Amino acid sequence: MAKSKDKRLTAAKYMPPLRKRQPDEEYDIRKDEVLKWVISRPELVNVLVSKLKDWGYIRYDLGTHTWQGVDYEAD
């Protein structure tokens, strides 16, 4: 398994046992324990935003101080 050299990801090594869904239940993102745990770890969320920026999916506007998808078109 290839390992990332990004130290911000080491928080994931300490994730307790969590469920994506409860047994015998349909998946519900609002009940996903793994996502709730990841969202509660800013370093993990920052990795995702950083990668999305590096891969060219989002960009930051210094003038408005906002992030936006590169293909976003206002209504």
Protein backbone atom coordinates (compact mmCIF):
# COMPACT_ATOMS: atom_id res chain seq x y z
CA MET A 1 0.00 0.00 0.00
CA ALA A 2 1.35 3.41 -0.98
CA LYS A 3 1.47 5.89 1.87
CA SER A 4 1.04 9.62 1.57
CA LYS A 5 3.80 11.81 2.88
CA ASP A 6 1.23 14.39 3.96
CA LYS A 7 1.49 14.43 7.76
CA ARG A 8 -2.03 15.85 8.09
CA LEU A 9 -3.38 12.43 7.19
CA THR A 10 -1.85 10.72 10.23
CA ALA A 11 -4.97 11.62 12.25
CA ALA A 12 -6.79 8.89 10.31
CA LYS A 13 -4.54 6.28 11.94
CA TYR A 14 -6.33 6.96 15.24
CA MET A 15 -9.92 6.59 14.01
CA PRO A 16 -11.93 4.33 16.32
CA PRO A 17 -14.21 1.60 14.96
CA LEU A 18 -17.04 3.42 13.16
CA ARG A 19 -19.84 2.42 10.82
CA LYS A 20 -20.70 3.78 7.39
CA ARG A 21 -24.22 2.45 7.96
CA GLN A 22 -26.05 0.52 10.63
CA PRO A 23 -26.67 -3.19 10.00
CA ASP A 24 -29.91 -3.84 8.15
CA GLU A 25 -30.36 -0.14 7.31
CA GLU A 26 -30.02 1.67 4.02
CA TYR A 27 -27.04 4.01 3.78
CA ASP A 28 -27.83 7.51 5.02
CA ILE A 29 -25.06 10.08 4.74
CA ARG A 30 -26.50 11.90 7.77
CA LYS A 31 -25.85 8.81 9.91
CA ASP A 32 -22.40 7.97 8.53
CA GLU A 33 -20.14 7.77 11.61
CA VAL A 34 -16.97 7.73 9.50
CA LEU A 35 -17.85 10.98 7.71
CA LYS A 36 -18.85 12.64 10.98
CA TRP A 37 -15.50 11.68 12.48
CA VAL A 38 -13.52 12.89 9.45
CA ILE A 39 -15.40 16.20 9.39
CA SER A 40 -14.55 16.70 13.06
CA ARG A 41 -10.82 16.55 12.19
CA PRO A 42 -9.85 19.87 10.53
CA GLU A 43 -6.50 18.51 9.33
CA LEU A 44 -8.28 15.85 7.27
CA VAL A 45 -10.75 18.32 5.79
CA ASN A 46 -7.86 20.67 4.96
CA VAL A 47 -6.14 17.87 3.03
CA LEU A 48 -9.23 17.41 0.86
CA VAL A 49 -9.56 21.14 0.12
CA SER A 50 -5.83 21.36 -0.62
CA LYS A 51 -5.96 18.40 -3.01
CA LEU A 52 -9.06 19.74 -4.78
CA LYS A 53 -7.18 23.01 -5.31
CA ASP A 54 -3.99 21.25 -6.47
CA TRP A 55 -5.93 19.06 -8.90
CA GLY A 56 -7.63 22.15 -10.38
CA TYR A 57 -11.20 21.44 -9.27
CA ILE A 58 -11.58 24.55 -7.09
CA ARG A 59 -9.92 27.93 -6.91
CA TYR A 60 -9.66 30.72 -4.35
CA ASP A 61 -10.65 34.28 -5.19
CA LEU A 62 -8.48 36.72 -3.24
CA GLY A 63 -10.88 39.59 -3.96
CA THR A 64 -13.95 37.92 -2.45
CA HIS A 65 -12.13 35.48 -0.13
CA THR A 66 -14.23 32.57 -1.43
CA TRP A 67 -13.61 29.14 -2.89
CA GLN A 68 -15.44 28.13 -6.04
CA GLY A 69 -15.61 25.17 -8.42
CA VAL A 70 -13.78 25.91 -11.66
CA ASP A 71 -16.86 25.07 -13.73
CA TYR A 72 -19.38 26.90 -11.54
CA GLU A 73 -21.70 29.19 -13.47
CA ALA A 74 -23.98 31.60 -11.63
CA ASP A 75 -27.67 31.41 -12.51
